[in-house]
Amino acid sequence: PTAALLGEMRGRAVAVVGHEPWLSALAALLVTGSPRDASRFPLGRGGMLLLEGAPAPGTMVVAASFPPRALRRLGR
């Protein structure tokens, strides 16, 4: 997660797709202000987090967390 990436996040809704541990570090940066808190946001393969708020360090909140198992059930 970098300042350049955050600068690209514009609009009412933004989707970010990627791999671990990068996504957990991004979530940590957006929620806590520090990417070092990544262990607080574990994402299994195919998991998803819904964050709300302005995309800036420490300004967002976790609105929902969907483990892969839940998303598979929704797909059925």
PDB file of N, CA and C in Angstrom:
ATOM      1  N   PRO A   1       0.834  -1.195   0.000  1.00  0.00           N
ATOM      2  CA  PRO A   1       0.000   0.000   0.000  1.00  0.00           C
ATOM      3  C   PRO A   1       0.876   1.256   0.000  1.00  0.00           C
ATOM      4  N   THR A   2       0.588   2.144  -0.907  1.00  0.00           N
ATOM      5  CA  THR A   2       1.379   3.360  -1.025  1.00  0.00           C
ATOM      6  C   THR A   2       0.479   4.580  -1.123  1.00  0.00           C
ATOM      7  N   ALA A   3       1.059   5.744  -0.905  1.00  0.00           N
ATOM      8  CA  ALA A   3       0.326   6.994  -1.057  1.00  0.00           C
ATOM      9  C   ALA A   3      -0.161   7.146  -2.497  1.00  0.00           C
ATOM     10  N   ALA A   4       0.627   6.667  -3.453  1.00  0.00           N
ATOM     11  CA  ALA A   4       0.229   6.750  -4.860  1.00  0.00           C
ATOM     12  C   ALA A   4      -1.053   5.962  -5.116  1.00  0.00           C
ATOM     13  N   LEU A   5      -1.162   4.772  -4.530  1.00  0.00           N
ATOM     14  CA  LEU A   5      -2.377   3.976  -4.695  1.00  0.00           C
ATOM     15  C   LEU A   5      -3.566   4.697  -4.081  1.00  0.00           C
ATOM     16  N   LEU A   6      -3.405   5.213  -2.884  1.00  0.00           N
ATOM     17  CA  LEU A   6      -4.510   5.924  -2.236  1.00  0.00           C
ATOM     18  C   LEU A   6      -4.935   7.125  -3.059  1.00  0.00           C
ATOM     19  N   GLY A   7      -3.995   7.771  -3.722  1.00  0.00           N
ATOM     20  CA  GLY A   7      -4.310   8.916  -4.573  1.00  0.00           C
ATOM     21  C   GLY A   7      -5.138   8.540  -5.785  1.00  0.00           C
ATOM     22  N   GLU A   8      -5.078   7.273  -6.193  1.00  0.00           N
ATOM     23  CA  GLU A   8      -5.851   6.794  -7.339  1.00  0.00           C
ATOM     24  C   GLU A   8      -7.277   6.388  -6.963  1.00  0.00           C
ATOM     25  N   MET A   9      -7.542   6.243  -5.693  1.00  0.00           N
ATOM     26  CA  MET A   9      -8.874   5.814  -5.246  1.00  0.00           C
ATOM     27  C   MET A   9      -9.809   7.017  -5.233  1.00  0.00           C
ATOM     28  N   ARG A  10     -10.682   7.052  -6.230  1.00  0.00           N
ATOM     29  CA  ARG A  10     -11.626   8.165  -6.358  1.00  0.00           C
ATOM     30  C   ARG A  10     -13.017   7.614  -6.618  1.00  0.00           C
ATOM     31  N   GLY A  11     -14.022   8.406  -6.306  1.00  0.00           N
ATOM     32  CA  GLY A  11     -15.389   8.009  -6.599  1.00  0.00           C
ATOM     33  C   GLY A  11     -16.110   7.506  -5.365  1.00  0.00           C
ATOM     34  N   ARG A  12     -17.348   7.148  -5.555  1.00  0.00           N
ATOM     35  CA  ARG A  12     -18.187   6.700  -4.443  1.00  0.00           C
ATOM     36  C   ARG A  12     -17.878   5.274  -4.020  1.00  0.00           C
ATOM     37  N   ALA A  13     -17.387   4.462  -4.945  1.00  0.00           N
ATOM     38  CA  ALA A  13     -17.081   3.064  -4.624  1.00  0.00           C
ATOM     39  C   ALA A  13     -15.815   2.655  -5.365  1.00  0.00           C
ATOM     40  N   VAL A  14     -14.951   1.945  -4.665  1.00  0.00           N
ATOM     41  CA  VAL A  14     -13.695   1.483  -5.249  1.00  0.00           C
ATOM     42  C   VAL A  14     -13.526   0.015  -4.887  1.00  0.00           C
ATOM     43  N   ALA A  15     -13.183  -0.802  -5.856  1.00  0.00           N
ATOM     44  CA  ALA A  15     -12.884  -2.214  -5.604  1.00  0.00           C
ATOM     45  C   ALA A  15     -11.393  -2.426  -5.827  1.00  0.00           C
ATOM     46  N   VAL A  16     -10.756  -3.094  -4.882  1.00  0.00           N
ATOM     47  CA  VAL A  16      -9.337  -3.421  -5.001  1.00  0.00           C
ATOM     48  C   VAL A  16      -9.220  -4.937  -4.914  1.00  0.00           C
ATOM     49  N   VAL A  17      -8.604  -5.523  -5.910  1.00  0.00           N
ATOM     50  CA  VAL A  17      -8.424  -6.972  -5.961  1.00  0.00           C
ATOM     51  C   VAL A  17      -6.928  -7.253  -5.925  1.00  0.00           C
ATOM     52  N   GLY A  18      -6.534  -8.252  -5.149  1.00  0.00           N
ATOM     53  CA  GLY A  18      -5.112  -8.561  -5.070  1.00  0.00           C
ATOM     54  C   GLY A  18      -4.857  -9.811  -4.270  1.00  0.00           C
ATOM     55  N   HIS A  19      -3.660  -9.912  -3.757  1.00  0.00           N
ATOM     56  CA  HIS A  19      -3.212 -11.096  -3.033  1.00  0.00           C
ATOM     57  C   HIS A  19      -2.714 -10.720  -1.641  1.00  0.00           C
ATOM     58  N   GLU A  20      -2.584 -11.722  -0.816  1.00  0.00           N
ATOM     59  CA  GLU A  20      -2.013 -11.553   0.508  1.00  0.00           C
ATOM     60  C   GLU A  20      -0.493 -11.565   0.434  1.00  0.00           C
ATOM     61  N   PRO A  21       0.187 -10.949   1.318  1.00  0.00           N
ATOM     62  CA  PRO A  21      -0.290 -10.191   2.465  1.00  0.00           C
ATOM     63  C   PRO A  21      -0.615  -8.732   2.143  1.00  0.00           C
ATOM     64  N   TRP A  22      -0.529  -8.387   0.868  1.00  0.00           N
ATOM     65  CA  TRP A  22      -0.726  -7.008   0.446  1.00  0.00           C
ATOM     66  C   TRP A  22      -2.106  -6.474   0.801  1.00  0.00           C
ATOM     67  N   LEU A  23      -3.164  -7.240   0.548  1.00  0.00           N
ATOM     68  CA  LEU A  23      -4.516  -6.738   0.821  1.00  0.00           C
ATOM     69  C   LEU A  23      -4.753  -6.510   2.308  1.00  0.00           C
ATOM     70  N   SER A  24      -4.256  -7.398   3.146  1.00  0.00           N
ATOM     71  CA  SER A  24      -4.406  -7.195   4.594  1.00  0.00           C
ATOM     72  C   SER A  24      -3.649  -5.951   5.045  1.00  0.00           C
ATOM     73  N   ALA A  25      -2.484  -5.716   4.465  1.00  0.00           N
ATOM     74  CA  ALA A  25      -1.715  -4.513   4.806  1.00  0.00           C
ATOM     75  C   ALA A  25      -2.446  -3.255   4.355  1.00  0.00           C
ATOM     76  N   LEU A  26      -3.084  -3.309   3.187  1.00  0.00           N
ATOM     77  CA  LEU A  26      -3.866  -2.164   2.713  1.00  0.00           C
ATOM     78  C   LEU A  26      -5.049  -1.908   3.638  1.00  0.00           C
ATOM     79  N   ALA A  27      -5.767  -2.964   4.006  1.00  0.00           N
ATOM     80  CA  ALA A  27      -6.904  -2.807   4.930  1.00  0.00           C
ATOM     81  C   ALA A  27      -6.434  -2.218   6.251  1.00  0.00           C
ATOM     82  N   ALA A  28      -5.319  -2.710   6.764  1.00  0.00           N
ATOM     83  CA  ALA A  28      -4.785  -2.189   8.024  1.00  0.00           C
ATOM     84  C   ALA A  28      -4.440  -0.709   7.910  1.00  0.00           C
ATOM     85  N   LEU A  29      -3.815  -0.327   6.820  1.00  0.00           N
ATOM     86  CA  LEU A  29      -3.472   1.080   6.608  1.00  0.00           C
ATOM     87  C   LEU A  29      -4.725   1.943   6.596  1.00  0.00           C
ATOM     88  N   LEU A  30      -5.744   1.504   5.864  1.00  0.00           N
ATOM     89  CA  LEU A  30      -6.961   2.298   5.738  1.00  0.00           C
ATOM     90  C   LEU A  30      -7.764   2.377   7.037  1.00  0.00           C
ATOM     91  N   VAL A  31      -7.737   1.311   7.839  1.00  0.00           N
ATOM     92  CA  VAL A  31      -8.535   1.283   9.070  1.00  0.00           C
ATOM     93  C   VAL A  31      -7.758   1.801  10.274  1.00  0.00           C
ATOM     94  N   THR A  32      -6.523   1.344  10.433  1.00  0.00           N
ATOM     95  CA  THR A  32      -5.766   1.705  11.646  1.00  0.00           C
ATOM     96  C   THR A  32      -4.735   2.805  11.415  1.00  0.00           C
ATOM     97  N   GLY A  33      -4.382   3.027  10.155  1.00  0.00           N
ATOM     98  CA  GLY A  33      -3.356   4.006   9.851  1.00  0.00           C
ATOM     99  C   GLY A  33      -1.974   3.409   9.711  1.00  0.00           C
ATOM    100  N   SER A  34      -1.826   2.099   9.981  1.00  0.00           N
ATOM    101  CA  SER A  34      -0.520   1.451   9.884  1.00  0.00           C
ATOM    102  C   SER A  34      -0.639   0.104   9.180  1.00  0.00           C
ATOM    103  N   PRO A  35       0.141  -0.121   8.121  1.00  0.00           N
ATOM    104  CA  PRO A  35       0.101  -1.416   7.450  1.00  0.00           C
ATOM    105  C   PRO A  35       0.671  -2.535   8.316  1.00  0.00           C
ATOM    106  N   ARG A  36       1.344  -2.190   9.399  1.00  0.00           N
ATOM    107  CA  ARG A  36       1.920  -3.207  10.286  1.00  0.00           C
ATOM    108  C   ARG A  36       0.854  -3.977  11.060  1.00  0.00           C
ATOM    109  N   ASP A  37      -0.384  -3.491  11.069  1.00  0.00           N
ATOM    110  CA  ASP A  37      -1.481  -4.163  11.761  1.00  0.00           C
ATOM    111  C   ASP A  37      -2.188  -5.177  10.863  1.00  0.00           C
ATOM    112  N   ALA A  38      -1.532  -5.629   9.795  1.00  0.00           N
ATOM    113  CA  ALA A  38      -2.150  -6.518   8.806  1.00  0.00           C
ATOM    114  C   ALA A  38      -2.712  -7.789   9.412  1.00  0.00           C
ATOM    115  N   SER A  39      -2.112  -8.293  10.482  1.00  0.00           N
ATOM    116  CA  SER A  39      -2.599  -9.545  11.079  1.00  0.00           C
ATOM    117  C   SER A  39      -4.010  -9.399  11.647  1.00  0.00           C
ATOM    118  N   ARG A  40      -4.473  -8.191  11.837  1.00  0.00           N
ATOM    119  CA  ARG A  40      -5.835  -7.960  12.330  1.00  0.00           C
ATOM    120  C   ARG A  40      -6.884  -8.154  11.234  1.00  0.00           C
ATOM    121  N   PHE A  41      -6.439  -8.273   9.975  1.00  0.00           N
ATOM    122  CA  PHE A  41      -7.354  -8.375   8.847  1.00  0.00           C
ATOM    123  C   PHE A  41      -7.011  -9.569   7.964  1.00  0.00           C
ATOM    124  N   PRO A  42      -7.093 -10.781   8.521  1.00  0.00           N
ATOM    125  CA  PRO A  42      -6.734 -11.951   7.716  1.00  0.00           C
ATOM    126  C   PRO A  42      -7.777 -12.210   6.630  1.00  0.00           C
ATOM    127  N   LEU A  43      -7.306 -12.396   5.434  1.00  0.00           N
ATOM    128  CA  LEU A  43      -8.197 -12.716   4.316  1.00  0.00           C
ATOM    129  C   LEU A  43      -7.786 -14.067   3.767  1.00  0.00           C
ATOM    130  N   GLY A  44      -8.700 -15.016   3.831  1.00  0.00           N
ATOM    131  CA  GLY A  44      -8.428 -16.306   3.213  1.00  0.00           C
ATOM    132  C   GLY A  44      -8.518 -16.163   1.707  1.00  0.00           C
ATOM    133  N   ARG A  45      -8.063 -17.171   1.010  1.00  0.00           N
ATOM    134  CA  ARG A  45      -8.142 -17.165  -0.447  1.00  0.00           C
ATOM    135  C   ARG A  45      -9.592 -16.973  -0.874  1.00  0.00           C
ATOM    136  N   GLY A  46      -9.869 -15.877  -1.550  1.00  0.00           N
ATOM    137  CA  GLY A  46     -11.227 -15.603  -2.004  1.00  0.00           C
ATOM    138  C   GLY A  46     -12.061 -14.846  -0.994  1.00  0.00           C
ATOM    139  N   GLY A  47     -11.471 -14.385   0.108  1.00  0.00           N
ATOM    140  CA  GLY A  47     -12.208 -13.614   1.098  1.00  0.00           C
ATOM    141  C   GLY A  47     -12.394 -12.169   0.660  1.00  0.00           C
ATOM    142  N   MET A  48     -13.253 -11.462   1.376  1.00  0.00           N
ATOM    143  CA  MET A  48     -13.554 -10.089   1.001  1.00  0.00           C
ATOM    144  C   MET A  48     -13.832  -9.242   2.241  1.00  0.00           C
ATOM    145  N   LEU A  49     -13.363  -8.007   2.224  1.00  0.00           N
ATOM    146  CA  LEU A  49     -13.689  -7.022   3.252  1.00  0.00           C
ATOM    147  C   LEU A  49     -14.431  -5.876   2.593  1.00  0.00           C
ATOM    148  N   LEU A  50     -15.445  -5.365   3.270  1.00  0.00           N
ATOM    149  CA  LEU A  50     -16.154  -4.180   2.821  1.00  0.00           C
ATOM    150  C   LEU A  50     -15.786  -3.062   3.784  1.00  0.00           C
ATOM    151  N   LEU A  51     -15.104  -2.038   3.268  1.00  0.00           N
ATOM    152  CA  LEU A  51     -14.702  -0.906   4.080  1.00  0.00           C
ATOM    153  C   LEU A  51     -15.547   0.306   3.692  1.00  0.00           C
ATOM    154  N   GLU A  52     -15.840   1.145   4.668  1.00  0.00           N
ATOM    155  CA  GLU A  52     -16.596   2.367   4.403  1.00  0.00           C
ATOM    156  C   GLU A  52     -15.825   3.560   4.921  1.00  0.00           C
ATOM    157  N   GLY A  53     -15.930   4.673   4.215  1.00  0.00           N
ATOM    158  CA  GLY A  53     -15.265   5.902   4.614  1.00  0.00           C
ATOM    159  C   GLY A  53     -14.381   6.427   3.509  1.00  0.00           C
ATOM    160  N   ALA A  54     -13.682   7.503   3.807  1.00  0.00           N
ATOM    161  CA  ALA A  54     -12.756   8.098   2.843  1.00  0.00           C
ATOM    162  C   ALA A  54     -11.489   7.252   2.771  1.00  0.00           C
ATOM    163  N   PRO A  55     -10.993   6.956   1.573  1.00  0.00           N
ATOM    164  CA  PRO A  55      -9.796   6.118   1.453  1.00  0.00           C
ATOM    165  C   PRO A  55      -8.518   6.884   1.803  1.00  0.00           C
ATOM    166  N   ALA A  56      -8.287   7.007   3.089  1.00  0.00           N
ATOM    167  CA  ALA A  56      -7.082   7.647   3.606  1.00  0.00           C
ATOM    168  C   ALA A  56      -6.656   6.877   4.851  1.00  0.00           C
ATOM    169  N   PRO A  57      -5.391   6.937   5.215  1.00  0.00           N
ATOM    170  CA  PRO A  57      -4.915   6.177   6.377  1.00  0.00           C
ATOM    171  C   PRO A  57      -5.710   6.472   7.651  1.00  0.00           C
ATOM    172  N   GLY A  58      -6.214   5.387   8.250  1.00  0.00           N
ATOM    173  CA  GLY A  58      -6.904   5.484   9.531  1.00  0.00           C
ATOM    174  C   GLY A  58      -8.308   6.059   9.499  1.00  0.00           C
ATOM    175  N   THR A  59      -8.903   6.200   8.320  1.00  0.00           N
ATOM    176  CA  THR A  59     -10.220   6.844   8.233  1.00  0.00           C
ATOM    177  C   THR A  59     -11.369   5.898   7.930  1.00  0.00           C
ATOM    178  N   MET A  60     -11.077   4.677   7.557  1.00  0.00           N
ATOM    179  CA  MET A  60     -12.138   3.763   7.149  1.00  0.00           C
ATOM    180  C   MET A  60     -12.510   2.812   8.286  1.00  0.00           C
ATOM    181  N   VAL A  61     -13.699   2.220   8.165  1.00  0.00           N
ATOM    182  CA  VAL A  61     -14.159   1.220   9.130  1.00  0.00           C
ATOM    183  C   VAL A  61     -14.556  -0.038   8.364  1.00  0.00           C
ATOM    184  N   VAL A  62     -14.440  -1.173   9.025  1.00  0.00           N
ATOM    185  CA  VAL A  62     -14.859  -2.437   8.420  1.00  0.00           C
ATOM    186  C   VAL A  62     -16.374  -2.539   8.577  1.00  0.00           C
ATOM    187  N   ALA A  63     -17.074  -2.542   7.459  1.00  0.00           N
ATOM    188  CA  ALA A  63     -18.529  -2.662   7.471  1.00  0.00           C
ATOM    189  C   ALA A  63     -18.950  -4.133   7.435  1.00  0.00           C
ATOM    190  N   ALA A  64     -18.147  -4.968   6.788  1.00  0.00           N
ATOM    191  CA  ALA A  64     -18.455  -6.394   6.696  1.00  0.00           C
ATOM    192  C   ALA A  64     -17.199  -7.164   6.324  1.00  0.00           C
ATOM    193  N   SER A  65     -17.167  -8.406   6.761  1.00  0.00           N
ATOM    194  CA  SER A  65     -16.081  -9.313   6.418  1.00  0.00           C
ATOM    195  C   SER A  65     -16.716 -10.613   5.935  1.00  0.00           C
ATOM    196  N   PHE A  66     -16.314 -11.062   4.754  1.00  0.00           N
ATOM    197  CA  PHE A  66     -16.880 -12.268   4.166  1.00  0.00           C
ATOM    198  C   PHE A  66     -15.782 -13.303   3.964  1.00  0.00           C
ATOM    199  N   PRO A  67     -15.778 -14.361   4.766  1.00  0.00           N
ATOM    200  CA  PRO A  67     -14.802 -15.425   4.530  1.00  0.00           C
ATOM    201  C   PRO A  67     -15.165 -16.174   3.249  1.00  0.00           C
ATOM    202  N   PRO A  68     -14.210 -16.853   2.642  1.00  0.00           N
ATOM    203  CA  PRO A  68     -14.483 -17.566   1.391  1.00  0.00           C
ATOM    204  C   PRO A  68     -15.682 -18.510   1.481  1.00  0.00           C
ATOM    205  N   ARG A  69     -15.829 -19.184   2.604  1.00  0.00           N
ATOM    206  CA  ARG A  69     -16.946 -20.129   2.774  1.00  0.00           C
ATOM    207  C   ARG A  69     -18.297 -19.423   2.591  1.00  0.00           C
ATOM    208  N   ALA A  70     -18.452 -18.249   3.155  1.00  0.00           N
ATOM    209  CA  ALA A  70     -19.713 -17.505   3.046  1.00  0.00           C
ATOM    210  C   ALA A  70     -19.969 -17.070   1.614  1.00  0.00           C
ATOM    211  N   LEU A  71     -18.921 -16.655   0.922  1.00  0.00           N
ATOM    212  CA  LEU A  71     -19.093 -16.222  -0.459  1.00  0.00           C
ATOM    213  C   LEU A  71     -19.441 -17.392  -1.364  1.00  0.00           C
ATOM    214  N   ARG A  72     -18.885 -18.568  -1.089  1.00  0.00           N
ATOM    215  CA  ARG A  72     -19.250 -19.749  -1.880  1.00  0.00           C
ATOM    216  C   ARG A  72     -20.724 -20.072  -1.698  1.00  0.00           C
ATOM    217  N   ARG A  73     -21.208 -19.956  -0.462  1.00  0.00           N
ATOM    218  CA  ARG A  73     -22.633 -20.236  -0.212  1.00  0.00           C
ATOM    219  C   ARG A  73     -23.520 -19.229  -0.934  1.00  0.00           C
ATOM    220  N   LEU A  74     -23.109 -17.970  -0.980  1.00  0.00           N
ATOM    221  CA  LEU A  74     -23.902 -16.961  -1.687  1.00  0.00           C
ATOM    222  C   LEU A  74     -23.973 -17.261  -3.175  1.00  0.00           C
ATOM    223  N   GLY A  75     -22.921 -17.879  -3.718  1.00  0.00           N
ATOM    224  CA  GLY A  75     -22.867 -18.193  -5.131  1.00  0.00           C
ATOM    225  C   GLY A  75     -23.725 -19.367  -5.554  1.00  0.00           C
ATOM    226  N   ARG A  76     -24.226 -20.090  -4.578  1.00  0.00           N
ATOM    227  CA  ARG A  76     -25.039 -21.280  -4.920  1.00  0.00           C
ATOM    228  C   ARG A  76     -26.462 -20.909  -5.208  1.00  0.00           C
TER     229      ARG A  76
END
